Amino acid sequence: MKDKIVVITGSNSGIGRITATEIAKLGAQVVMVCRNEQKARAVQEDINALTGLNNCDLFLCDFSSHTSIKQFAKAFRMKYNHVDVLINNAGVILGDRKLNDEGLEMMFATNHLGPFLVTHYLLDLLKAAESARVVTVASLAHRFTNMQWDNLQAEKRFISWRQYGHTKLMNILFSNELAYLLKNDTNITSNCLHPGNINSNFGKEGNVILKFLMTNFGFVLTSPEKGAETSIYLAVSPLVNGKTGLYWYRKNPTIPSMDAISSENARRLWEISMNLCGIKEYGVVELDG
């Protein structure tokens, strides 16, 4: 992984932090992209001290905000001219329905449109690499729901865990459609994964029931170290060269729900996302506009 540039979103805690640390130890240039500067700076310093290579960089970004993602991409391009691996790891679960500054439901904006837009703004830099990989962290939670086309942003009914699962279903559809669009004429693969049910601070910001379960029964869950293994595997292993459009668990491809493998769902969600974000051609950006 020496000289490889690996961008990891949401890498200041949980499996994102472990992923950043382990890939940095392999000699890659790791670029953390995080929302919380204080936490992220501390992790960046820890990783650089651990490797002794000063190979962990940091950019700030609010993944619920199109404007912030665009600003990150502009700043990133001033320093880097390609991306070898993009790991869309950032995600959130909230107990109440909240809107971002653009009027979009926060989990939909962060968990789905976040990866959709980060990948859009870095796609030409992924194409500039000799070969590149996009890895998106989804979840088994996608099985708890199906596509609610009339309730994409929980406008009609908001249930925290269900909307989270809804956005994780969207992650798989995004990853699959990206793989389809890039398969024939680029050197980029796109895969997604279920990391396991992770015992971390993630989820403790959800509703009362979820907080209770995470606090009192976290001992039965997977450690962040174990949960990060598949993300790291998909980012660095030569065994997955050329493999694309798959959903992985414990380093093996597995079959997601029927809604998740629907090409019709994937195309429909893609079109909706393009329209919501005002994108005319995916991967073609005008950062000064």
Protein backbone atom coordinates (compact mmCIF):
# COMPACT_ATOMS: atom_id res chain seq x y z
CA MET A 1 0.00 0.00 0.00
CA LYS A 2 3.02 2.28 -0.07
CA ASP A 3 2.28 5.51 -1.99
CA LYS A 4 -1.42 4.62 -2.23
CA ILE A 5 -3.86 7.39 -1.29
CA VAL A 6 -6.76 6.08 0.80
CA VAL A 7 -9.63 8.41 1.72
CA ILE A 8 -11.76 7.30 4.67
CA THR A 9 -14.85 9.21 5.76
CA GLY A 10 -16.01 9.19 9.37
CA SER A 11 -12.67 7.85 10.57
CA ASN A 12 -12.34 9.43 14.01
CA SER A 13 -14.05 6.59 15.91
CA GLY A 14 -15.29 3.00 15.72
CA ILE A 15 -14.49 0.90 12.67
CA GLY A 16 -13.45 4.00 10.73
CA ARG A 17 -10.67 4.71 13.20
CA ILE A 18 -9.47 1.11 13.17
CA THR A 19 -9.57 1.05 9.37
CA ALA A 20 -7.53 4.26 9.13
CA THR A 21 -5.00 3.02 11.66
CA GLU A 22 -4.43 -0.38 10.09
CA ILE A 23 -4.16 0.95 6.54
CA ALA A 24 -1.73 3.66 7.67
CA LYS A 25 0.39 0.93 9.29
CA LEU A 26 0.65 -0.65 5.83
CA GLY A 27 2.35 2.52 4.55
CA ALA A 28 -0.51 4.12 2.64
CA GLN A 29 -1.21 7.85 2.71
CA VAL A 30 -4.41 7.88 4.73
CA VAL A 31 -6.74 10.85 4.42
CA MET A 32 -9.26 11.11 7.23
CA VAL A 33 -12.40 13.08 6.39
CA CYS A 34 -14.35 13.88 9.54
CA ARG A 35 -16.92 16.25 10.99
CA ASN A 36 -15.61 16.62 14.55
CA GLU A 37 -12.27 18.43 14.40
CA GLN A 38 -11.27 17.94 18.03
CA LYS A 39 -11.77 14.17 18.00
CA ALA A 40 -10.29 13.77 14.53
CA ARG A 41 -7.12 15.75 15.31
CA ALA A 42 -6.45 13.53 18.30
CA VAL A 43 -6.84 10.38 16.18
CA GLN A 44 -4.66 11.81 13.41
CA GLU A 45 -1.90 12.54 15.91
CA ASP A 46 -2.20 9.05 17.41
CA ILE A 47 -1.92 7.39 13.99
CA ASN A 48 1.07 9.49 12.96
CA ALA A 49 2.80 8.76 16.25
CA LEU A 50 2.08 5.04 15.87
CA THR A 51 3.40 4.71 12.31
CA GLY A 52 6.19 7.27 12.57
CA LEU A 53 5.55 7.98 8.89
CA ASN A 54 3.46 11.16 9.21
CA ASN A 55 1.17 9.53 6.66
CA CYS A 56 -2.22 10.48 8.09
CA ASP A 57 -3.83 13.66 6.80
CA LEU A 58 -7.12 15.26 7.84
CA PHE A 59 -9.88 17.24 6.14
CA LEU A 60 -13.08 18.42 7.78
CA CYS A 61 -16.52 17.81 6.29
CA ASP A 62 -20.17 17.69 7.32
CA PHE A 63 -21.50 14.75 5.33
CA SER A 64 -25.09 15.93 5.64
CA SER A 65 -24.25 19.07 3.67
CA HIS A 66 -23.79 19.23 -0.11
CA THR A 67 -21.99 22.56 0.29
CA SER A 68 -19.56 21.13 2.85
CA ILE A 69 -18.78 18.08 0.70
CA LYS A 70 -18.11 20.35 -2.25
CA GLN A 71 -15.78 22.51 -0.13
CA PHE A 72 -13.92 19.41 1.05
CA ALA A 73 -13.44 18.23 -2.53
CA LYS A 74 -12.09 21.61 -3.55
CA ALA A 75 -9.59 21.66 -0.67
CA PHE A 76 -8.59 18.04 -1.28
CA ARG A 77 -7.75 18.72 -4.93
CA MET A 78 -5.30 21.42 -3.94
CA LYS A 79 -3.13 18.72 -2.35
CA TYR A 80 -3.86 15.42 -4.11
CA ASN A 81 -4.22 14.51 -7.78
CA HIS A 82 -5.63 11.00 -7.49
CA VAL A 83 -7.37 8.58 -5.11
CA ASP A 84 -6.59 4.86 -4.98
CA VAL A 85 -9.24 3.86 -2.45
CA LEU A 86 -12.33 5.68 -1.18
CA ILE A 87 -14.00 4.17 1.87
CA ASN A 88 -17.46 5.62 2.48
CA ASN A 89 -17.66 4.85 6.17
CA ALA A 90 -19.38 7.89 7.72
CA GLY A 91 -22.89 7.34 9.01
CA VAL A 92 -25.32 8.42 11.68
CA ILE A 93 -28.41 7.18 13.50
CA LEU A 94 -30.69 9.70 15.17
CA GLY A 95 -33.58 9.25 17.57
CA ASP A 96 -35.65 12.08 16.15
CA ARG A 97 -36.40 13.32 12.65
CA LYS A 98 -34.16 16.28 11.89
CA LEU A 99 -33.53 18.27 8.72
CA ASN A 100 -30.25 19.63 7.43
CA ASP A 101 -29.80 23.18 6.17
CA GLU A 102 -31.00 22.07 2.74
CA GLY A 103 -34.29 20.75 4.12
CA LEU A 104 -33.39 17.06 3.77
CA GLU A 105 -33.89 14.43 6.45
CA MET A 106 -30.57 14.09 8.25
CA MET A 107 -30.02 10.32 8.04
CA PHE A 108 -31.00 10.27 4.37
CA ALA A 109 -28.65 13.20 3.69
CA THR A 110 -25.71 11.80 5.67
CA ASN A 111 -25.94 8.05 5.10
CA HIS A 112 -27.08 8.02 1.47
CA LEU A 113 -26.45 11.35 -0.22
CA GLY A 114 -23.15 11.71 1.67
CA PRO A 115 -21.46 8.74 -0.06
CA PHE A 116 -23.25 9.56 -3.31
CA LEU A 117 -21.81 13.10 -3.32
CA VAL A 118 -18.33 12.33 -1.95
CA THR A 119 -17.87 9.73 -4.67
CA HIS A 120 -19.23 12.14 -7.29
CA TYR A 121 -16.73 14.83 -6.37
CA LEU A 122 -13.78 12.42 -6.25
CA LEU A 123 -14.68 10.23 -9.21
CA ASP A 124 -12.28 11.82 -11.69
CA LEU A 125 -9.46 11.40 -9.13
CA LEU A 126 -10.39 7.73 -8.75
CA LYS A 127 -10.23 7.42 -12.54
CA ALA A 128 -6.76 9.00 -12.45
CA ALA A 129 -5.40 6.12 -10.36
CA GLU A 130 -3.87 3.04 -11.98
CA SER A 131 -6.73 1.08 -10.44
CA ALA A 132 -9.14 2.23 -7.78
CA ARG A 133 -11.69 0.95 -5.32
CA VAL A 134 -14.82 2.41 -3.75
CA VAL A 135 -15.85 0.65 -0.54
CA THR A 136 -19.16 1.60 1.08
CA VAL A 137 -20.11 0.50 4.59
CA ALA A 138 -23.71 -0.71 4.56
CA SER A 139 -25.38 -2.89 7.19
CA LEU A 140 -27.48 -5.96 7.86
CA ALA A 141 -30.05 -3.38 9.03
CA HIS A 142 -31.07 -3.04 5.37
CA ARG A 143 -33.05 -6.25 5.82
CA PHE A 144 -35.40 -4.59 8.33
CA THR A 145 -37.17 -2.60 5.63
CA ASN A 146 -37.81 -2.31 1.91
CA MET A 147 -37.71 0.69 -0.41
CA GLN A 148 -40.34 3.17 0.73
CA TRP A 149 -40.57 5.35 -2.37
CA ASP A 150 -43.28 7.52 -0.87
CA ASN A 151 -41.38 7.91 2.41
CA LEU A 152 -37.70 8.19 1.40
CA GLN A 153 -37.02 10.89 3.95
CA ALA A 154 -39.44 9.59 6.58
CA GLU A 155 -41.84 12.40 5.71
CA LYS A 156 -44.93 10.34 6.54
CA ARG A 157 -43.64 8.27 9.41
CA PHE A 158 -40.30 8.35 11.25
CA ILE A 159 -39.02 5.30 13.11
CA SER A 160 -35.35 5.71 13.94
CA TRP A 161 -34.05 2.18 13.39
CA ARG A 162 -36.23 1.69 10.30
CA GLN A 163 -35.03 4.88 8.63
CA TYR A 164 -31.45 3.88 9.42
CA GLY A 165 -32.04 0.50 7.77
CA HIS A 166 -33.68 2.29 4.85
CA THR A 167 -30.54 4.36 4.27
CA LYS A 168 -28.34 1.26 4.56
CA LEU A 169 -30.46 -0.36 1.86
CA MET A 170 -29.78 2.74 -0.23
CA ASN A 171 -26.04 2.24 0.36
CA ILE A 172 -26.18 -1.16 -1.30
CA LEU A 173 -28.25 0.13 -4.21
CA PHE A 174 -25.81 3.03 -4.68
CA SER A 175 -22.79 0.72 -4.59
CA ASN A 176 -24.36 -1.67 -7.10
CA GLU A 177 -25.41 1.03 -9.55
CA LEU A 178 -21.98 2.66 -9.31
CA ALA A 179 -20.38 -0.69 -10.11
CA TYR A 180 -22.70 -1.12 -13.10
CA LEU A 181 -21.97 2.35 -14.47
CA LEU A 182 -18.19 2.05 -14.07
CA LYS A 183 -17.64 -1.61 -14.94
CA ASN A 184 -17.02 -1.45 -18.68
CA ASP A 185 -14.94 1.67 -19.19
CA THR A 186 -13.04 2.43 -15.98
CA ASN A 187 -10.51 0.85 -13.66
CA ILE A 188 -12.72 1.35 -10.61
CA THR A 189 -14.51 -1.32 -8.57
CA SER A 190 -17.39 -0.65 -6.19
CA ASN A 191 -18.29 -2.96 -3.32
CA CYS A 192 -20.21 -2.64 -0.06
CA LEU A 193 -20.25 -4.57 3.18
CA HIS A 194 -21.91 -5.40 6.47
CA PRO A 195 -19.26 -4.92 9.19
CA GLY A 196 -21.13 -6.86 11.84
CA ASN A 197 -23.18 -5.49 14.70
CA ILE A 198 -20.57 -3.26 16.28
CA ASN A 199 -20.17 -2.46 19.96
CA SER A 200 -19.15 1.20 19.80
CA ASN A 201 -20.54 4.64 20.57
CA PHE A 202 -22.42 4.48 17.28
CA GLY A 203 -26.10 3.95 17.96
CA LYS A 204 -26.04 5.48 21.42
CA GLU A 205 -27.34 8.69 19.87
CA GLY A 206 -30.46 6.86 18.69
CA ASN A 207 -33.77 6.44 20.48
CA VAL A 208 -34.21 5.32 24.09
CA ILE A 209 -34.60 1.64 23.23
CA LEU A 210 -31.48 1.58 21.07
CA LYS A 211 -29.45 3.36 23.77
CA PHE A 212 -30.60 0.82 26.34
CA LEU A 213 -29.69 -2.15 24.15
CA MET A 214 -26.26 -0.74 23.22
CA THR A 215 -25.44 0.15 26.83
CA ASN A 216 -26.62 -3.06 28.49
CA PHE A 217 -26.09 -5.72 25.84
CA GLY A 218 -23.09 -4.40 23.94
CA PHE A 219 -21.02 -7.31 25.21
CA VAL A 220 -22.71 -9.63 22.69
CA LEU A 221 -21.72 -7.43 19.74
CA THR A 222 -18.69 -7.45 17.47
CA SER A 223 -15.66 -5.38 18.44
CA PRO A 224 -14.70 -2.44 16.19
CA GLU A 225 -11.44 -4.25 15.42
CA LYS A 226 -13.34 -7.29 14.13
CA GLY A 227 -15.87 -5.10 12.37
CA ALA A 228 -13.18 -3.23 10.46
CA GLU A 229 -11.65 -6.37 8.98
CA THR A 230 -13.86 -6.51 5.89
CA SER A 231 -13.43 -2.80 5.12
CA ILE A 232 -9.66 -3.23 5.30
CA TYR A 233 -9.81 -6.41 3.23
CA LEU A 234 -11.81 -4.75 0.46
CA ALA A 235 -9.45 -1.78 0.48
CA VAL A 236 -6.12 -3.58 0.32
CA SER A 237 -6.39 -7.26 -0.58
CA PRO A 238 -5.18 -8.37 -4.04
CA LEU A 239 -7.75 -11.18 -3.81
CA VAL A 240 -10.56 -8.74 -4.64
CA ASN A 241 -8.90 -7.22 -7.71
CA GLY A 242 -11.55 -6.79 -10.40
CA LYS A 243 -14.42 -7.92 -8.17
CA THR A 244 -17.24 -5.39 -8.21
CA GLY A 245 -20.92 -4.93 -7.42
CA LEU A 246 -20.86 -7.30 -4.45
CA TYR A 247 -22.10 -7.17 -0.86
CA TRP A 248 -19.58 -8.61 1.63
CA TYR A 249 -19.61 -9.95 5.17
CA ARG A 250 -16.62 -11.45 6.98
CA LYS A 251 -14.47 -11.07 3.86
CA ASN A 252 -16.87 -13.07 1.71
CA PRO A 253 -19.54 -12.03 -0.77
CA THR A 254 -23.04 -12.73 0.44
CA ILE A 255 -26.55 -12.09 -0.81
CA PRO A 256 -28.45 -9.06 0.51
CA SER A 257 -32.23 -8.65 0.47
CA MET A 258 -34.28 -8.85 -2.71
CA ASP A 259 -34.87 -5.10 -2.65
CA ALA A 260 -31.11 -4.55 -2.42
CA ILE A 261 -30.31 -6.59 -5.54
CA SER A 262 -33.01 -4.97 -7.68
CA SER A 263 -31.44 -3.14 -10.61
CA GLU A 264 -34.74 -1.28 -11.07
CA ASN A 265 -34.52 0.03 -7.50
CA ALA A 266 -30.89 1.00 -8.01
CA ARG A 267 -31.62 2.98 -11.18
CA ARG A 268 -34.65 4.69 -9.69
CA LEU A 269 -32.78 5.74 -6.53
CA TRP A 270 -29.87 6.97 -8.66
CA GLU A 271 -32.15 9.19 -10.74
CA ILE A 272 -33.85 10.60 -7.63
CA SER A 273 -30.47 11.32 -6.06
CA MET A 274 -29.17 13.03 -9.19
CA ASN A 275 -32.22 15.28 -9.27
CA LEU A 276 -32.10 16.11 -5.56
CA CYS A 277 -28.43 17.06 -5.81
CA GLY A 278 -28.78 18.97 -9.07
CA ILE A 279 -26.24 16.77 -10.85
CA LYS A 280 -26.41 16.61 -14.64
CA GLU A 281 -23.58 14.14 -15.25
CA TYR A 282 -22.22 12.01 -12.44
CA GLY A 283 -18.53 12.58 -11.79
CA VAL A 284 -18.34 15.75 -13.86
CA VAL A 285 -17.95 18.65 -11.41
CA GLU A 286 -17.55 22.38 -11.52
CA LEU A 287 -16.15 23.30 -8.13
CA ASP A 288 -16.20 27.03 -8.80
CA GLY A 289 -19.88 27.00 -9.63
